[in-house]
Amino acid sequence: MQGPAQALNLRNNGERGVLMGALAGIMEEQYNLLCKKGHSPSEAFNETVEELTQSLMPLVAENGMEWMFANTSTTAQRGALDWRHRFRKAVEPLFEELYESVALGKEAAIVIAANKQPDYREKLTEELLQIQQSEMWQAGAQVRKLRP
């Protein structure tokens, strides 16, 4: 049985890991690489974010990942089969580090210390604006306007 501390650790790992940290970092890196390789910002955003959020995730939510593996294109299937282990290995040390940091209370301490700062709201607003005003998310705003 899971105690309250373990439940909080699980939630904090989820929020700081796949749900926000990993997803944001992976999307940013793929977007940056595609742009560096000559793709337009809107094309890079579409291939990175739109296909994930608008096409794949609704299907995963409805049918499960195993269904996705069986019902996508051969290119997507090969992508999963050929690359998933490499991606898993690449992020394994990051997730280990994150889990330890959460379990030891370090991540909670970071949040508490940040929230205690008298200028926390101003600093947070500035950090969030940097993301919002980045090329990637500006391209996203334009792409979303084109949705039916």
N, C-alpha and C. Protein backbone atom coordinates (compact mmCIF):
# COMPACT_ATOMS: atom_id res chain seq x y z
N MET A 1 0.84 -1.19 0.00
CA MET A 1 0.00 0.00 0.00
C MET A 1 0.88 1.25 0.00
N GLN A 2 0.42 2.24 -0.67
CA GLN A 2 1.17 3.47 -0.85
C GLN A 2 0.76 4.50 0.19
N GLY A 3 1.75 5.10 0.86
CA GLY A 3 1.47 6.13 1.84
C GLY A 3 1.37 7.50 1.20
N PRO A 4 0.96 8.53 1.97
CA PRO A 4 0.81 9.88 1.43
C PRO A 4 2.11 10.43 0.83
N ALA A 5 3.25 10.15 1.48
CA ALA A 5 4.53 10.66 0.96
C ALA A 5 4.85 10.02 -0.39
N GLN A 6 4.59 8.73 -0.52
CA GLN A 6 4.85 8.05 -1.80
C GLN A 6 3.92 8.57 -2.89
N ALA A 7 2.67 8.83 -2.54
CA ALA A 7 1.72 9.37 -3.51
C ALA A 7 2.17 10.74 -3.99
N LEU A 8 2.65 11.58 -3.05
CA LEU A 8 3.15 12.90 -3.43
C LEU A 8 4.39 12.78 -4.30
N ASN A 9 5.30 11.86 -3.96
CA ASN A 9 6.49 11.63 -4.78
C ASN A 9 6.10 11.22 -6.19
N LEU A 10 5.12 10.33 -6.30
CA LEU A 10 4.66 9.87 -7.60
C LEU A 10 4.11 11.04 -8.41
N ARG A 11 3.28 11.85 -7.78
CA ARG A 11 2.69 13.00 -8.47
C ARG A 11 3.77 13.98 -8.89
N ASN A 12 4.69 14.28 -7.99
CA ASN A 12 5.77 15.23 -8.32
C ASN A 12 6.65 14.70 -9.44
N ASN A 13 6.93 13.40 -9.44
CA ASN A 13 7.72 12.82 -10.52
C ASN A 13 6.97 12.93 -11.84
N GLY A 14 5.68 12.67 -11.82
CA GLY A 14 4.89 12.77 -13.04
C GLY A 14 4.86 14.18 -13.59
N GLU A 15 4.61 15.14 -12.71
CA GLU A 15 4.53 16.53 -13.16
C GLU A 15 5.87 17.06 -13.65
N ARG A 16 6.94 16.73 -12.95
CA ARG A 16 8.25 17.24 -13.32
C ARG A 16 8.91 16.40 -14.40
N GLY A 17 8.45 15.17 -14.57
CA GLY A 17 9.02 14.25 -15.55
C GLY A 17 8.29 14.32 -16.87
N VAL A 18 7.58 13.26 -17.21
CA VAL A 18 6.94 13.13 -18.53
C VAL A 18 5.93 14.24 -18.79
N LEU A 19 5.10 14.57 -17.80
CA LEU A 19 4.00 15.50 -18.06
C LEU A 19 4.46 16.89 -18.47
N MET A 20 5.56 17.36 -17.95
CA MET A 20 6.00 18.70 -18.32
C MET A 20 7.47 18.76 -18.71
N GLY A 21 8.36 18.35 -17.83
CA GLY A 21 9.78 18.51 -18.10
C GLY A 21 10.26 17.77 -19.34
N ALA A 22 10.02 16.47 -19.38
CA ALA A 22 10.50 15.67 -20.51
C ALA A 22 9.79 16.07 -21.80
N LEU A 23 8.49 16.20 -21.74
CA LEU A 23 7.74 16.54 -22.94
C LEU A 23 8.18 17.89 -23.50
N ALA A 24 8.33 18.88 -22.64
CA ALA A 24 8.76 20.20 -23.11
C ALA A 24 10.16 20.14 -23.72
N GLY A 25 11.07 19.45 -23.05
CA GLY A 25 12.44 19.36 -23.55
C GLY A 25 12.54 18.61 -24.86
N ILE A 26 11.82 17.51 -24.98
CA ILE A 26 11.86 16.71 -26.21
C ILE A 26 11.25 17.50 -27.37
N MET A 27 10.13 18.15 -27.13
CA MET A 27 9.51 18.92 -28.20
C MET A 27 10.41 20.07 -28.64
N GLU A 28 10.99 20.78 -27.67
CA GLU A 28 11.88 21.90 -28.02
C GLU A 28 13.07 21.42 -28.85
N GLU A 29 13.66 20.31 -28.45
CA GLU A 29 14.84 19.82 -29.17
C GLU A 29 14.50 19.39 -30.60
N GLN A 30 13.40 18.66 -30.77
CA GLN A 30 13.03 18.25 -32.13
C GLN A 30 12.71 19.47 -32.98
N TYR A 31 11.95 20.43 -32.42
CA TYR A 31 11.62 21.66 -33.15
C TYR A 31 12.90 22.38 -33.57
N ASN A 32 13.83 22.56 -32.63
CA ASN A 32 15.08 23.27 -32.92
C ASN A 32 15.87 22.56 -34.01
N LEU A 33 15.96 21.24 -33.95
CA LEU A 33 16.69 20.48 -34.95
C LEU A 33 16.06 20.63 -36.33
N LEU A 34 14.73 20.51 -36.40
CA LEU A 34 14.06 20.64 -37.69
C LEU A 34 14.28 22.02 -38.29
N CYS A 35 14.19 23.06 -37.47
CA CYS A 35 14.45 24.42 -37.97
C CYS A 35 15.89 24.56 -38.42
N LYS A 36 16.82 24.02 -37.64
CA LYS A 36 18.24 24.09 -38.00
C LYS A 36 18.50 23.37 -39.33
N LYS A 37 17.72 22.35 -39.62
CA LYS A 37 17.89 21.58 -40.86
C LYS A 37 17.11 22.18 -42.02
N GLY A 38 16.54 23.37 -41.82
CA GLY A 38 15.92 24.09 -42.94
C GLY A 38 14.41 24.05 -43.02
N HIS A 39 13.74 23.41 -42.08
CA HIS A 39 12.28 23.39 -42.09
C HIS A 39 11.75 24.70 -41.54
N SER A 40 10.60 25.12 -42.03
CA SER A 40 10.00 26.36 -41.55
C SER A 40 9.50 26.16 -40.12
N PRO A 41 9.37 27.25 -39.36
CA PRO A 41 8.83 27.13 -38.00
C PRO A 41 7.47 26.45 -37.95
N SER A 42 6.58 26.78 -38.88
CA SER A 42 5.24 26.17 -38.85
C SER A 42 5.32 24.67 -39.17
N GLU A 43 6.17 24.30 -40.12
CA GLU A 43 6.34 22.87 -40.44
C GLU A 43 6.94 22.12 -39.25
N ALA A 44 7.96 22.71 -38.64
CA ALA A 44 8.60 22.06 -37.48
C ALA A 44 7.62 21.93 -36.33
N PHE A 45 6.81 22.95 -36.09
CA PHE A 45 5.82 22.89 -35.01
C PHE A 45 4.78 21.82 -35.31
N ASN A 46 4.32 21.78 -36.56
CA ASN A 46 3.32 20.79 -36.94
C ASN A 46 3.84 19.37 -36.73
N GLU A 47 5.06 19.10 -37.17
CA GLU A 47 5.63 17.77 -37.05
C GLU A 47 5.96 17.40 -35.60
N THR A 48 6.19 18.40 -34.77
CA THR A 48 6.60 18.16 -33.39
C THR A 48 5.43 18.15 -32.42
N VAL A 49 4.59 19.17 -32.48
CA VAL A 49 3.54 19.34 -31.47
C VAL A 49 2.16 18.97 -31.99
N GLU A 50 1.80 19.49 -33.14
CA GLU A 50 0.44 19.28 -33.65
C GLU A 50 0.14 17.80 -33.86
N GLU A 51 1.04 17.08 -34.50
CA GLU A 51 0.77 15.67 -34.74
C GLU A 51 0.65 14.90 -33.42
N LEU A 52 1.46 15.27 -32.44
CA LEU A 52 1.38 14.61 -31.13
C LEU A 52 0.06 14.92 -30.44
N THR A 53 -0.25 16.20 -30.31
CA THR A 53 -1.41 16.59 -29.50
C THR A 53 -2.73 16.43 -30.22
N GLN A 54 -2.74 16.66 -31.53
CA GLN A 54 -4.00 16.63 -32.26
C GLN A 54 -4.31 15.27 -32.89
N SER A 55 -3.27 14.53 -33.24
CA SER A 55 -3.49 13.24 -33.90
C SER A 55 -3.26 12.05 -32.98
N LEU A 56 -2.07 11.98 -32.39
CA LEU A 56 -1.69 10.77 -31.67
C LEU A 56 -2.29 10.65 -30.27
N MET A 57 -2.17 11.68 -29.45
CA MET A 57 -2.62 11.56 -28.06
C MET A 57 -4.11 11.27 -27.93
N PRO A 58 -4.99 11.87 -28.73
CA PRO A 58 -6.39 11.48 -28.62
C PRO A 58 -6.60 9.99 -28.92
N LEU A 59 -5.85 9.46 -29.89
CA LEU A 59 -5.98 8.04 -30.21
C LEU A 59 -5.40 7.16 -29.10
N VAL A 60 -4.29 7.59 -28.51
CA VAL A 60 -3.72 6.83 -27.39
C VAL A 60 -4.69 6.84 -26.22
N ALA A 61 -5.27 8.01 -25.93
CA ALA A 61 -6.22 8.10 -24.82
C ALA A 61 -7.43 7.19 -25.04
N GLU A 62 -7.89 7.12 -26.27
CA GLU A 62 -9.08 6.32 -26.58
C GLU A 62 -8.79 4.82 -26.68
N ASN A 63 -7.61 4.47 -27.25
CA ASN A 63 -7.36 3.07 -27.61
C ASN A 63 -6.16 2.42 -26.92
N GLY A 64 -5.28 3.20 -26.36
CA GLY A 64 -4.08 2.66 -25.72
C GLY A 64 -2.88 2.66 -26.67
N MET A 65 -1.71 2.64 -26.08
CA MET A 65 -0.49 2.68 -26.87
C MET A 65 -0.28 1.41 -27.68
N GLU A 66 -0.70 0.27 -27.12
CA GLU A 66 -0.53 -0.99 -27.86
C GLU A 66 -1.36 -0.96 -29.14
N TRP A 67 -2.52 -0.31 -29.11
CA TRP A 67 -3.34 -0.16 -30.30
C TRP A 67 -2.61 0.71 -31.32
N MET A 68 -1.97 1.79 -30.82
CA MET A 68 -1.21 2.68 -31.72
C MET A 68 -0.11 1.91 -32.42
N PHE A 69 0.62 1.09 -31.67
CA PHE A 69 1.70 0.32 -32.28
C PHE A 69 1.17 -0.54 -33.43
N ALA A 70 0.00 -1.12 -33.25
CA ALA A 70 -0.55 -2.04 -34.25
C ALA A 70 -1.24 -1.33 -35.41
N ASN A 71 -1.62 -0.05 -35.23
CA ASN A 71 -2.46 0.60 -36.23
C ASN A 71 -1.88 1.87 -36.85
N THR A 72 -0.58 2.07 -36.73
CA THR A 72 0.03 3.22 -37.37
C THR A 72 0.76 2.78 -38.63
N SER A 73 1.34 3.73 -39.32
CA SER A 73 2.08 3.43 -40.53
C SER A 73 3.30 2.57 -40.21
N THR A 74 3.80 1.91 -41.22
CA THR A 74 5.03 1.13 -41.04
C THR A 74 6.17 2.02 -40.56
N THR A 75 6.24 3.24 -41.07
CA THR A 75 7.27 4.18 -40.65
C THR A 75 7.18 4.44 -39.15
N ALA A 76 5.96 4.68 -38.67
CA ALA A 76 5.77 4.93 -37.23
C ALA A 76 6.06 3.67 -36.42
N GLN A 77 5.62 2.53 -36.91
CA GLN A 77 5.90 1.28 -36.20
C GLN A 77 7.40 1.05 -36.09
N ARG A 78 8.11 1.22 -37.19
CA ARG A 78 9.57 1.03 -37.16
C ARG A 78 10.21 2.06 -36.24
N GLY A 79 9.68 3.26 -36.23
CA GLY A 79 10.20 4.27 -35.32
C GLY A 79 10.11 3.83 -33.88
N ALA A 80 8.95 3.29 -33.51
CA ALA A 80 8.77 2.80 -32.14
C ALA A 80 9.68 1.61 -31.86
N LEU A 81 9.68 0.66 -32.77
CA LEU A 81 10.46 -0.56 -32.54
C LEU A 81 11.96 -0.30 -32.56
N ASP A 82 12.41 0.58 -33.43
CA ASP A 82 13.85 0.81 -33.59
C ASP A 82 14.43 1.86 -32.65
N TRP A 83 13.60 2.78 -32.15
CA TRP A 83 14.13 3.90 -31.37
C TRP A 83 13.70 3.94 -29.92
N ARG A 84 12.62 3.25 -29.54
CA ARG A 84 12.12 3.41 -28.17
C ARG A 84 13.14 2.99 -27.13
N HIS A 85 13.88 1.93 -27.35
CA HIS A 85 14.87 1.49 -26.37
C HIS A 85 15.99 2.52 -26.22
N ARG A 86 16.38 3.12 -27.32
CA ARG A 86 17.44 4.14 -27.26
C ARG A 86 16.97 5.38 -26.51
N PHE A 87 15.74 5.81 -26.79
CA PHE A 87 15.20 6.95 -26.05
C PHE A 87 15.07 6.61 -24.57
N ARG A 88 14.58 5.42 -24.26
CA ARG A 88 14.43 5.01 -22.86
C ARG A 88 15.77 5.04 -22.15
N LYS A 89 16.80 4.49 -22.79
CA LYS A 89 18.14 4.48 -22.18
C LYS A 89 18.68 5.89 -22.01
N ALA A 90 18.41 6.76 -22.98
CA ALA A 90 18.91 8.13 -22.92
C ALA A 90 18.31 8.90 -21.74
N VAL A 91 17.04 8.66 -21.44
CA VAL A 91 16.40 9.40 -20.35
C VAL A 91 16.45 8.68 -19.01
N GLU A 92 16.87 7.43 -19.00
CA GLU A 92 16.92 6.67 -17.75
C GLU A 92 17.69 7.40 -16.64
N PRO A 93 18.89 7.91 -16.91
CA PRO A 93 19.59 8.60 -15.82
C PRO A 93 18.88 9.87 -15.35
N LEU A 94 18.21 10.55 -16.25
CA LEU A 94 17.47 11.75 -15.85
C LEU A 94 16.30 11.40 -14.93
N PHE A 95 15.57 10.34 -15.27
CA PHE A 95 14.46 9.94 -14.42
C PHE A 95 14.93 9.41 -13.07
N GLU A 96 16.05 8.72 -13.05
CA GLU A 96 16.63 8.27 -11.77
C GLU A 96 16.98 9.47 -10.90
N GLU A 97 17.64 10.46 -11.51
CA GLU A 97 18.04 11.67 -10.79
C GLU A 97 16.81 12.42 -10.29
N LEU A 98 15.80 12.55 -11.13
CA LEU A 98 14.57 13.23 -10.75
C LEU A 98 13.87 12.51 -9.59
N TYR A 99 13.76 11.19 -9.70
CA TYR A 99 13.08 10.43 -8.65
C TYR A 99 13.78 10.62 -7.31
N GLU A 100 15.11 10.51 -7.31
CA GLU A 100 15.88 10.70 -6.07
C GLU A 100 15.69 12.10 -5.51
N SER A 101 15.73 13.09 -6.39
CA SER A 101 15.58 14.47 -5.96
C SER A 101 14.20 14.71 -5.34
N VAL A 102 13.17 14.13 -5.93
CA VAL A 102 11.82 14.24 -5.36
C VAL A 102 11.74 13.48 -4.04
N ALA A 103 12.23 12.25 -4.03
CA ALA A 103 12.15 11.42 -2.83
C ALA A 103 12.89 12.04 -1.65
N LEU A 104 13.99 12.73 -1.92
CA LEU A 104 14.77 13.37 -0.86
C LEU A 104 14.22 14.74 -0.46
N GLY A 105 13.18 15.19 -1.13
CA GLY A 105 12.58 16.48 -0.81
C GLY A 105 13.25 17.66 -1.46
N LYS A 106 14.24 17.42 -2.31
CA LYS A 106 14.96 18.52 -2.95
C LYS A 106 14.06 19.34 -3.87
N GLU A 107 13.22 18.64 -4.64
CA GLU A 107 12.35 19.35 -5.57
C GLU A 107 11.32 20.19 -4.82
N ALA A 108 10.77 19.66 -3.75
CA ALA A 108 9.83 20.44 -2.93
C ALA A 108 10.54 21.65 -2.34
N ALA A 109 11.77 21.47 -1.89
CA ALA A 109 12.54 22.59 -1.33
C ALA A 109 12.77 23.69 -2.36
N ILE A 110 13.03 23.29 -3.60
CA ILE A 110 13.23 24.27 -4.68
C ILE A 110 11.96 25.09 -4.87
N VAL A 111 10.81 24.42 -4.89
CA VAL A 111 9.53 25.11 -5.09
C VAL A 111 9.23 26.02 -3.91
N ILE A 112 9.44 25.54 -2.70
CA ILE A 112 9.17 26.34 -1.50
C ILE A 112 10.08 27.56 -1.45
N ALA A 113 11.37 27.36 -1.73
CA ALA A 113 12.31 28.49 -1.71
C ALA A 113 11.94 29.51 -2.78
N ALA A 114 11.58 29.05 -3.96
CA ALA A 114 11.20 29.98 -5.03
C ALA A 114 9.96 30.77 -4.64
N ASN A 115 8.97 30.08 -4.08
CA ASN A 115 7.73 30.75 -3.70
C ASN A 115 7.89 31.73 -2.54
N LYS A 116 8.95 31.59 -1.75
CA LYS A 116 9.20 32.49 -0.63
C LYS A 116 9.82 33.82 -1.07
N GLN A 117 10.38 33.85 -2.26
CA GLN A 117 11.05 35.06 -2.73
C GLN A 117 10.02 36.18 -2.93
N PRO A 118 10.34 37.39 -2.45
CA PRO A 118 9.37 38.48 -2.58
C PRO A 118 9.05 38.84 -4.04
N ASP A 119 9.99 38.57 -4.93
CA ASP A 119 9.77 38.89 -6.35
C ASP A 119 9.46 37.64 -7.18
N TYR A 120 8.96 36.61 -6.51
CA TYR A 120 8.70 35.34 -7.20
C TYR A 120 7.76 35.51 -8.39
N ARG A 121 6.66 36.21 -8.21
CA ARG A 121 5.68 36.38 -9.30
C ARG A 121 6.31 37.07 -10.50
N GLU A 122 7.11 38.09 -10.26
CA GLU A 122 7.76 38.81 -11.36
C GLU A 122 8.73 37.90 -12.10
N LYS A 123 9.54 37.15 -11.33
CA LYS A 123 10.50 36.22 -11.95
C LYS A 123 9.78 35.12 -12.72
N LEU A 124 8.71 34.59 -12.13
CA LEU A 124 7.94 33.54 -12.80
C LEU A 124 7.34 34.06 -14.10
N THR A 125 6.75 35.25 -14.04
CA THR A 125 6.16 35.85 -15.23
C THR A 125 7.20 36.01 -16.33
N GLU A 126 8.40 36.44 -15.95
CA GLU A 126 9.49 36.61 -16.91
C GLU A 126 9.90 35.26 -17.53
N GLU A 127 10.03 34.25 -16.69
CA GLU A 127 10.41 32.92 -17.20
C GLU A 127 9.33 32.35 -18.13
N LEU A 128 8.08 32.51 -17.74
CA LEU A 128 6.99 32.00 -18.58
C LEU A 128 6.88 32.78 -19.89
N LEU A 129 7.15 34.08 -19.85
CA LEU A 129 7.15 34.89 -21.08
C LEU A 129 8.24 34.45 -22.05
N GLN A 130 9.39 34.05 -21.51
CA GLN A 130 10.46 33.55 -22.38
C GLN A 130 9.99 32.35 -23.18
N ILE A 131 9.24 31.47 -22.53
CA ILE A 131 8.70 30.31 -23.24
C ILE A 131 7.63 30.75 -24.23
N GLN A 132 6.69 31.55 -23.74
CA GLN A 132 5.57 31.99 -24.59
C GLN A 132 6.06 32.75 -25.81
N GLN A 133 7.11 33.54 -25.65
CA GLN A 133 7.60 34.36 -26.75
C GLN A 133 8.67 33.66 -27.59
N SER A 134 8.98 32.42 -27.27
CA SER A 134 9.97 31.70 -28.07
C SER A 134 9.42 31.46 -29.47
N GLU A 135 10.30 31.29 -30.41
CA GLU A 135 9.88 31.07 -31.80
C GLU A 135 8.94 29.88 -31.90
N MET A 136 9.27 28.81 -31.17
CA MET A 136 8.46 27.59 -31.26
C MET A 136 7.01 27.84 -30.89
N TRP A 137 6.78 28.51 -29.76
CA TRP A 137 5.41 28.70 -29.31
C TRP A 137 4.72 29.84 -30.04
N GLN A 138 5.48 30.76 -30.62
CA GLN A 138 4.89 31.76 -31.50
C GLN A 138 4.41 31.09 -32.79
N ALA A 139 5.22 30.15 -33.32
CA ALA A 139 4.79 29.37 -34.48
C ALA A 139 3.54 28.58 -34.12
N GLY A 140 3.51 28.04 -32.92
CA GLY A 140 2.34 27.28 -32.47
C GLY A 140 1.08 28.12 -32.44
N ALA A 141 1.19 29.36 -32.00
CA ALA A 141 0.03 30.25 -31.98
C ALA A 141 -0.52 30.44 -33.39
N GLN A 142 0.37 30.58 -34.35
CA GLN A 142 -0.06 30.74 -35.75
C GLN A 142 -0.66 29.45 -36.31
N VAL A 143 -0.04 28.32 -36.01
CA VAL A 143 -0.56 27.04 -36.49
C VAL A 143 -1.94 26.76 -35.91
N ARG A 144 -2.13 27.04 -34.62
CA ARG A 144 -3.43 26.78 -33.99
C ARG A 144 -4.53 27.62 -34.62
N LYS A 145 -4.20 28.81 -35.13
CA LYS A 145 -5.21 29.65 -35.80
C LYS A 145 -5.70 28.99 -37.07
N LEU A 146 -4.93 28.07 -37.64
CA LEU A 146 -5.31 27.41 -38.89
C LEU A 146 -6.16 26.17 -38.67
N ARG A 147 -6.34 25.77 -37.42
CA ARG A 147 -7.16 24.59 -37.14
C ARG A 147 -8.61 24.85 -37.55
N PRO A 148 -9.28 23.82 -38.02
CA PRO A 148 -10.70 24.00 -38.40
C PRO A 148 -11.56 24.27 -37.17
